[in-house]
Amino acid sequence: MAVALKLSDELVDDAKATAAAEHRSVPRQIEYWARIGKAVLENPELPLRFIQDAMLGIEEAKAGKATPFEFK
C-alpha cells in the first residue's frame, strides 16, 4: 500500500545522493533507512553492521541465493 508523505527537502536531498551511490530509487532509500532505524530501535544491543548483514541475508535467502551452512 503506497502512502503519500511530506518529507523535508533536506531528507530528500540526502536520500538522492545516497540512493545514487547505492543504486536505489529515492523512495527505496528512505524506506531502507526507515527499516534500518526500526531494526536498531528494536534491537539496541546489536551493532548496526550485524543488523545490516542480517537484513541482507534475509533478502538473499528470499531470492534463493543462500546456501546451507555445513558444520565440519
PDB file of N, CA and C in Angstrom:
ATOM      1  N   MET A   1       0.848  -1.174   0.000  1.00  0.00           N
ATOM      2  CA  MET A   1       0.000   0.000   0.000  1.00  0.00           C
ATOM      3  C   MET A   1       0.893   1.237   0.000  1.00  0.00           C
ATOM      4  N   ALA A   2       0.787   2.051  -0.976  1.00  0.00           N
ATOM      5  CA  ALA A   2       1.560   3.286  -1.075  1.00  0.00           C
ATOM      6  C   ALA A   2       0.812   4.416  -0.370  1.00  0.00           C
ATOM      7  N   VAL A   3       1.583   5.250   0.322  1.00  0.00           N
ATOM      8  CA  VAL A   3       1.025   6.385   1.041  1.00  0.00           C
ATOM      9  C   VAL A   3       1.871   7.604   0.714  1.00  0.00           C
ATOM     10  N   ALA A   4       1.235   8.703   0.415  1.00  0.00           N
ATOM     11  CA  ALA A   4       1.965   9.945   0.145  1.00  0.00           C
ATOM     12  C   ALA A   4       2.345  10.599   1.474  1.00  0.00           C
ATOM     13  N   LEU A   5       3.598  11.018   1.560  1.00  0.00           N
ATOM     14  CA  LEU A   5       4.103  11.667   2.767  1.00  0.00           C
ATOM     15  C   LEU A   5       4.781  12.976   2.410  1.00  0.00           C
ATOM     16  N   LYS A   6       4.753  13.918   3.342  1.00  0.00           N
ATOM     17  CA  LYS A   6       5.522  15.146   3.180  1.00  0.00           C
ATOM     18  C   LYS A   6       6.835  14.953   3.916  1.00  0.00           C
ATOM     19  N   LEU A   7       7.926  15.093   3.198  1.00  0.00           N
ATOM     20  CA  LEU A   7       9.259  14.941   3.769  1.00  0.00           C
ATOM     21  C   LEU A   7      10.030  16.236   3.575  1.00  0.00           C
ATOM     22  N   SER A   8      10.967  16.478   4.453  1.00  0.00           N
ATOM     23  CA  SER A   8      11.756  17.705   4.337  1.00  0.00           C
ATOM     24  C   SER A   8      12.640  17.633   3.091  1.00  0.00           C
ATOM     25  N   ASP A   9      12.899  18.800   2.527  1.00  0.00           N
ATOM     26  CA  ASP A   9      13.785  18.880   1.359  1.00  0.00           C
ATOM     27  C   ASP A   9      15.175  18.345   1.709  1.00  0.00           C
ATOM     28  N   GLU A  10      15.611  18.600   2.925  1.00  0.00           N
ATOM     29  CA  GLU A  10      16.937  18.145   3.356  1.00  0.00           C
ATOM     30  C   GLU A  10      17.028  16.611   3.348  1.00  0.00           C
ATOM     31  N   LEU A  11      16.000  15.948   3.858  1.00  0.00           N
ATOM     32  CA  LEU A  11      15.997  14.486   3.862  1.00  0.00           C
ATOM     33  C   LEU A  11      16.005  13.943   2.440  1.00  0.00           C
ATOM     34  N   VAL A  12      15.186  14.508   1.576  1.00  0.00           N
ATOM     35  CA  VAL A  12      15.112  14.056   0.193  1.00  0.00           C
ATOM     36  C   VAL A  12      16.440  14.287  -0.527  1.00  0.00           C
ATOM     37  N   ASP A  13      17.071  15.432  -0.290  1.00  0.00           N
ATOM     38  CA  ASP A  13      18.373  15.707  -0.911  1.00  0.00           C
ATOM     39  C   ASP A  13      19.438  14.716  -0.428  1.00  0.00           C
ATOM     40  N   ASP A  14      19.439  14.422   0.878  1.00  0.00           N
ATOM     41  CA  ASP A  14      20.376  13.428   1.409  1.00  0.00           C
ATOM     42  C   ASP A  14      20.108  12.061   0.787  1.00  0.00           C
ATOM     43  N   ALA A  15      18.847  11.715   0.655  1.00  0.00           N
ATOM     44  CA  ALA A  15      18.483  10.416   0.085  1.00  0.00           C
ATOM     45  C   ALA A  15      18.887  10.324  -1.386  1.00  0.00           C
ATOM     46  N   LYS A  16      18.794  11.426  -2.128  1.00  0.00           N
ATOM     47  CA  LYS A  16      19.178  11.409  -3.545  1.00  0.00           C
ATOM     48  C   LYS A  16      20.637  11.016  -3.711  1.00  0.00           C
ATOM     49  N   ALA A  17      21.496  11.624  -2.913  1.00  0.00           N
ATOM     50  CA  ALA A  17      22.920  11.341  -3.032  1.00  0.00           C
ATOM     51  C   ALA A  17      23.228   9.896  -2.645  1.00  0.00           C
ATOM     52  N   THR A  18      22.673   9.454  -1.541  1.00  0.00           N
ATOM     53  CA  THR A  18      22.930   8.087  -1.087  1.00  0.00           C
ATOM     54  C   THR A  18      22.288   7.067  -2.017  1.00  0.00           C
ATOM     55  N   ALA A  19      21.088   7.360  -2.480  1.00  0.00           N
ATOM     56  CA  ALA A  19      20.389   6.444  -3.391  1.00  0.00           C
ATOM     57  C   ALA A  19      21.190   6.240  -4.668  1.00  0.00           C
ATOM     58  N   ALA A  20      21.745   7.295  -5.207  1.00  0.00           N
ATOM     59  CA  ALA A  20      22.546   7.183  -6.428  1.00  0.00           C
ATOM     60  C   ALA A  20      23.776   6.318  -6.181  1.00  0.00           C
ATOM     61  N   ALA A  21      24.420   6.507  -5.048  1.00  0.00           N
ATOM     62  CA  ALA A  21      25.621   5.737  -4.729  1.00  0.00           C
ATOM     63  C   ALA A  21      25.309   4.268  -4.477  1.00  0.00           C
ATOM     64  N   GLU A  22      24.124   3.981  -3.962  1.00  0.00           N
ATOM     65  CA  GLU A  22      23.762   2.603  -3.616  1.00  0.00           C
ATOM     66  C   GLU A  22      22.799   1.970  -4.621  1.00  0.00           C
ATOM     67  N   HIS A  23      22.598   2.636  -5.741  1.00  0.00           N
ATOM     68  CA  HIS A  23      21.764   2.112  -6.832  1.00  0.00           C
ATOM     69  C   HIS A  23      20.335   1.799  -6.390  1.00  0.00           C
ATOM     70  N   ARG A  24      19.747   2.753  -5.661  1.00  0.00           N
ATOM     71  CA  ARG A  24      18.352   2.646  -5.235  1.00  0.00           C
ATOM     72  C   ARG A  24      17.615   3.893  -5.707  1.00  0.00           C
ATOM     73  N   SER A  25      16.296   3.796  -5.761  1.00  0.00           N
ATOM     74  CA  SER A  25      15.496   4.992  -6.000  1.00  0.00           C
ATOM     75  C   SER A  25      15.439   5.779  -4.695  1.00  0.00           C
ATOM     76  N   VAL A  26      15.057   7.038  -4.770  1.00  0.00           N
ATOM     77  CA  VAL A  26      14.953   7.861  -3.567  1.00  0.00           C
ATOM     78  C   VAL A  26      13.925   7.276  -2.592  1.00  0.00           C
ATOM     79  N   PRO A  27      12.724   6.904  -3.058  1.00  0.00           N
ATOM     80  CA  PRO A  27      11.777   6.302  -2.107  1.00  0.00           C
ATOM     81  C   PRO A  27      12.307   5.012  -1.476  1.00  0.00           C
ATOM     82  N   ARG A  28      12.986   4.191  -2.248  1.00  0.00           N
ATOM     83  CA  ARG A  28      13.547   2.945  -1.701  1.00  0.00           C
ATOM     84  C   ARG A  28      14.656   3.238  -0.699  1.00  0.00           C
ATOM     85  N   GLN A  29      15.433   4.289  -0.929  1.00  0.00           N
ATOM     86  CA  GLN A  29      16.483   4.657   0.017  1.00  0.00           C
ATOM     87  C   GLN A  29      15.880   5.078   1.342  1.00  0.00           C
ATOM     88  N   ILE A  30      14.854   5.897   1.298  1.00  0.00           N
ATOM     89  CA  ILE A  30      14.201   6.350   2.528  1.00  0.00           C
ATOM     90  C   ILE A  30      13.547   5.166   3.234  1.00  0.00           C
ATOM     91  N   GLU A  31      12.946   4.266   2.477  1.00  0.00           N
ATOM     92  CA  GLU A  31      12.355   3.057   3.057  1.00  0.00           C
ATOM     93  C   GLU A  31      13.435   2.202   3.736  1.00  0.00           C
ATOM     94  N   TYR A  32      14.587   2.073   3.097  1.00  0.00           N
ATOM     95  CA  TYR A  32      15.700   1.321   3.675  1.00  0.00           C
ATOM     96  C   TYR A  32      16.142   1.947   4.999  1.00  0.00           C
ATOM     97  N   TRP A  33      16.310   3.273   5.002  1.00  0.00           N
ATOM     98  CA  TRP A  33      16.689   3.951   6.232  1.00  0.00           C
ATOM     99  C   TRP A  33      15.659   3.711   7.330  1.00  0.00           C
ATOM    100  N   ALA A  34      14.393   3.736   6.986  1.00  0.00           N
ATOM    101  CA  ALA A  34      13.334   3.514   7.975  1.00  0.00           C
ATOM    102  C   ALA A  34      13.412   2.096   8.531  1.00  0.00           C
ATOM    103  N   ARG A  35      13.653   1.122   7.661  1.00  0.00           N
ATOM    104  CA  ARG A  35      13.754  -0.268   8.128  1.00  0.00           C
ATOM    105  C   ARG A  35      14.965  -0.460   9.043  1.00  0.00           C
ATOM    106  N   ILE A  36      16.091   0.136   8.662  1.00  0.00           N
ATOM    107  CA  ILE A  36      17.289   0.045   9.492  1.00  0.00           C
ATOM    108  C   ILE A  36      17.031   0.701  10.856  1.00  0.00           C
ATOM    109  N   GLY A  37      16.445   1.871  10.840  1.00  0.00           N
ATOM    110  CA  GLY A  37      16.146   2.572  12.094  1.00  0.00           C
ATOM    111  C   GLY A  37      15.214   1.772  12.988  1.00  0.00           C
ATOM    112  N   LYS A  38      14.199   1.167  12.400  1.00  0.00           N
ATOM    113  CA  LYS A  38      13.260   0.341  13.161  1.00  0.00           C
ATOM    114  C   LYS A  38      13.983  -0.854  13.772  1.00  0.00           C
ATOM    115  N   ALA A  39      14.819  -1.519  12.978  1.00  0.00           N
ATOM    116  CA  ALA A  39      15.557  -2.685  13.466  1.00  0.00           C
ATOM    117  C   ALA A  39      16.514  -2.306  14.586  1.00  0.00           C
ATOM    118  N   VAL A  40      17.170  -1.157  14.465  1.00  0.00           N
ATOM    119  CA  VAL A  40      18.091  -0.698  15.511  1.00  0.00           C
ATOM    120  C   VAL A  40      17.331  -0.411  16.805  1.00  0.00           C
ATOM    121  N   LEU A  41      16.184   0.239  16.696  1.00  0.00           N
ATOM    122  CA  LEU A  41      15.395   0.542  17.890  1.00  0.00           C
ATOM    123  C   LEU A  41      14.864  -0.726  18.550  1.00  0.00           C
ATOM    124  N   GLU A  42      14.527  -1.729  17.751  1.00  0.00           N
ATOM    125  CA  GLU A  42      14.004  -2.989  18.291  1.00  0.00           C
ATOM    126  C   GLU A  42      15.112  -3.881  18.851  1.00  0.00           C
ATOM    127  N   ASN A  43      16.360  -3.627  18.470  1.00  0.00           N
ATOM    128  CA  ASN A  43      17.493  -4.458  18.883  1.00  0.00           C
ATOM    129  C   ASN A  43      18.667  -3.592  19.324  1.00  0.00           C
ATOM    130  N   PRO A  44      18.506  -2.811  20.389  1.00  0.00           N
ATOM    131  CA  PRO A  44      19.560  -1.863  20.771  1.00  0.00           C
ATOM    132  C   PRO A  44      20.874  -2.527  21.182  1.00  0.00           C
ATOM    133  N   GLU A  45      20.843  -3.816  21.496  1.00  0.00           N
ATOM    134  CA  GLU A  45      22.064  -4.493  21.920  1.00  0.00           C
ATOM    135  C   GLU A  45      22.915  -4.970  20.748  1.00  0.00           C
ATOM    136  N   LEU A  46      22.381  -4.918  19.533  1.00  0.00           N
ATOM    137  CA  LEU A  46      23.108  -5.407  18.365  1.00  0.00           C
ATOM    138  C   LEU A  46      23.798  -4.266  17.618  1.00  0.00           C
ATOM    139  N   PRO A  47      25.003  -4.517  17.105  1.00  0.00           N
ATOM    140  CA  PRO A  47      25.686  -3.497  16.299  1.00  0.00           C
ATOM    141  C   PRO A  47      24.964  -3.276  14.961  1.00  0.00           C
ATOM    142  N   LEU A  48      25.051  -2.070  14.460  1.00  0.00           N
ATOM    143  CA  LEU A  48      24.414  -1.727  13.193  1.00  0.00           C
ATOM    144  C   LEU A  48      24.859  -2.665  12.074  1.00  0.00           C
ATOM    145  N   ARG A  49      26.145  -2.933  11.954  1.00  0.00           N
ATOM    146  CA  ARG A  49      26.654  -3.793  10.880  1.00  0.00           C
ATOM    147  C   ARG A  49      26.019  -5.189  10.945  1.00  0.00           C
ATOM    148  N   PHE A  50      25.819  -5.728  12.151  1.00  0.00           N
ATOM    149  CA  PHE A  50      25.181  -7.033  12.304  1.00  0.00           C
ATOM    150  C   PHE A  50      23.750  -6.982  11.768  1.00  0.00           C
ATOM    151  N   ILE A  51      23.032  -5.918  12.098  1.00  0.00           N
ATOM    152  CA  ILE A  51      21.648  -5.764  11.635  1.00  0.00           C
ATOM    153  C   ILE A  51      21.611  -5.655  10.118  1.00  0.00           C
ATOM    154  N   GLN A  52      22.513  -4.858   9.542  1.00  0.00           N
ATOM    155  CA  GLN A  52      22.555  -4.720   8.084  1.00  0.00           C
ATOM    156  C   GLN A  52      22.860  -6.065   7.419  1.00  0.00           C
ATOM    157  N   ASP A  53      23.816  -6.798   7.957  1.00  0.00           N
ATOM    158  CA  ASP A  53      24.168  -8.100   7.386  1.00  0.00           C
ATOM    159  C   ASP A  53      23.022  -9.091   7.514  1.00  0.00           C
ATOM    160  N   ALA A  54      22.318  -9.060   8.628  1.00  0.00           N
ATOM    161  CA  ALA A  54      21.170  -9.945   8.818  1.00  0.00           C
ATOM    162  C   ALA A  54      20.071  -9.622   7.808  1.00  0.00           C
ATOM    163  N   MET A  55      19.810  -8.327   7.605  1.00  0.00           N
ATOM    164  CA  MET A  55      18.788  -7.935   6.624  1.00  0.00           C
ATOM    165  C   MET A  55      19.193  -8.365   5.214  1.00  0.00           C
ATOM    166  N   LEU A  56      20.466  -8.239   4.889  1.00  0.00           N
ATOM    167  CA  LEU A  56      20.958  -8.675   3.591  1.00  0.00           C
ATOM    168  C   LEU A  56      20.797 -10.183   3.447  1.00  0.00           C
ATOM    169  N   GLY A  57      21.127 -10.930   4.484  1.00  0.00           N
ATOM    170  CA  GLY A  57      20.979 -12.384   4.449  1.00  0.00           C
ATOM    171  C   GLY A  57      19.543 -12.815   4.235  1.00  0.00           C
ATOM    172  N   ILE A  58      18.613 -12.130   4.860  1.00  0.00           N
ATOM    173  CA  ILE A  58      17.191 -12.445   4.684  1.00  0.00           C
ATOM    174  C   ILE A  58      16.781 -12.236   3.230  1.00  0.00           C
ATOM    175  N   GLU A  59      17.192 -11.114   2.644  1.00  0.00           N
ATOM    176  CA  GLU A  59      16.843 -10.829   1.250  1.00  0.00           C
ATOM    177  C   GLU A  59      17.511 -11.819   0.292  1.00  0.00           C
ATOM    178  N   GLU A  60      18.754 -12.202   0.583  1.00  0.00           N
ATOM    179  CA  GLU A  60      19.431 -13.192  -0.259  1.00  0.00           C
ATOM    180  C   GLU A  60      18.716 -14.541  -0.181  1.00  0.00           C
ATOM    181  N   ALA A  61      18.269 -14.930   1.005  1.00  0.00           N
ATOM    182  CA  ALA A  61      17.532 -16.189   1.163  1.00  0.00           C
ATOM    183  C   ALA A  61      16.222 -16.147   0.391  1.00  0.00           C
ATOM    184  N   LYS A  62      15.509 -15.021   0.454  1.00  0.00           N
ATOM    185  CA  LYS A  62      14.256 -14.872  -0.305  1.00  0.00           C
ATOM    186  C   LYS A  62      14.498 -14.991  -1.803  1.00  0.00           C
ATOM    187  N   ALA A  63      15.655 -14.517  -2.260  1.00  0.00           N
ATOM    188  CA  ALA A  63      15.987 -14.547  -3.688  1.00  0.00           C
ATOM    189  C   ALA A  63      16.598 -15.888  -4.105  1.00  0.00           C
ATOM    190  N   GLY A  64      16.706 -16.821  -3.165  1.00  0.00           N
ATOM    191  CA  GLY A  64      17.257 -18.130  -3.486  1.00  0.00           C
ATOM    192  C   GLY A  64      18.766 -18.142  -3.643  1.00  0.00           C
ATOM    193  N   LYS A  65      19.437 -17.175  -3.058  1.00  0.00           N
ATOM    194  CA  LYS A  65      20.892 -17.065  -3.215  1.00  0.00           C
ATOM    195  C   LYS A  65      21.642 -17.494  -1.958  1.00  0.00           C
ATOM    196  N   ALA A  66      20.953 -18.153  -1.045  1.00  0.00           N
ATOM    197  CA  ALA A  66      21.596 -18.605   0.189  1.00  0.00           C
ATOM    198  C   ALA A  66      21.932 -20.087   0.069  1.00  0.00           C
ATOM    199  N   THR A  67      23.000 -20.489   0.707  1.00  0.00           N
ATOM    200  CA  THR A  67      23.360 -21.899   0.754  1.00  0.00           C
ATOM    201  C   THR A  67      23.438 -22.321   2.215  1.00  0.00           C
ATOM    202  N   PRO A  68      23.036 -23.547   2.505  1.00  0.00           N
ATOM    203  CA  PRO A  68      23.076 -24.004   3.897  1.00  0.00           C
ATOM    204  C   PRO A  68      24.520 -24.065   4.416  1.00  0.00           C
ATOM    205  N   PHE A  69      24.681 -23.741   5.676  1.00  0.00           N
ATOM    206  CA  PHE A  69      25.987 -23.832   6.303  1.00  0.00           C
ATOM    207  C   PHE A  69      26.215 -25.283   6.695  1.00  0.00           C
ATOM    208  N   GLU A  70      27.395 -25.813   6.412  1.00  0.00           N
ATOM    209  CA  GLU A  70      27.712 -27.185   6.780  1.00  0.00           C
ATOM    210  C   GLU A  70      28.783 -27.189   7.851  1.00  0.00           C
ATOM    211  N   PHE A  71      28.466 -27.821   8.978  1.00  0.00           N
ATOM    212  CA  PHE A  71      29.452 -27.974  10.052  1.00  0.00           C
ATOM    213  C   PHE A  71      30.391 -29.110   9.676  1.00  0.00           C
ATOM    214  N   LYS A  72      31.659 -28.945   9.912  1.00  0.00           N
ATOM    215  CA  LYS A  72      32.629 -29.990   9.586  1.00  0.00           C
ATOM    216  C   LYS A  72      33.316 -30.495  10.815  1.00  0.00           C
TER     217      LYS A  72
END
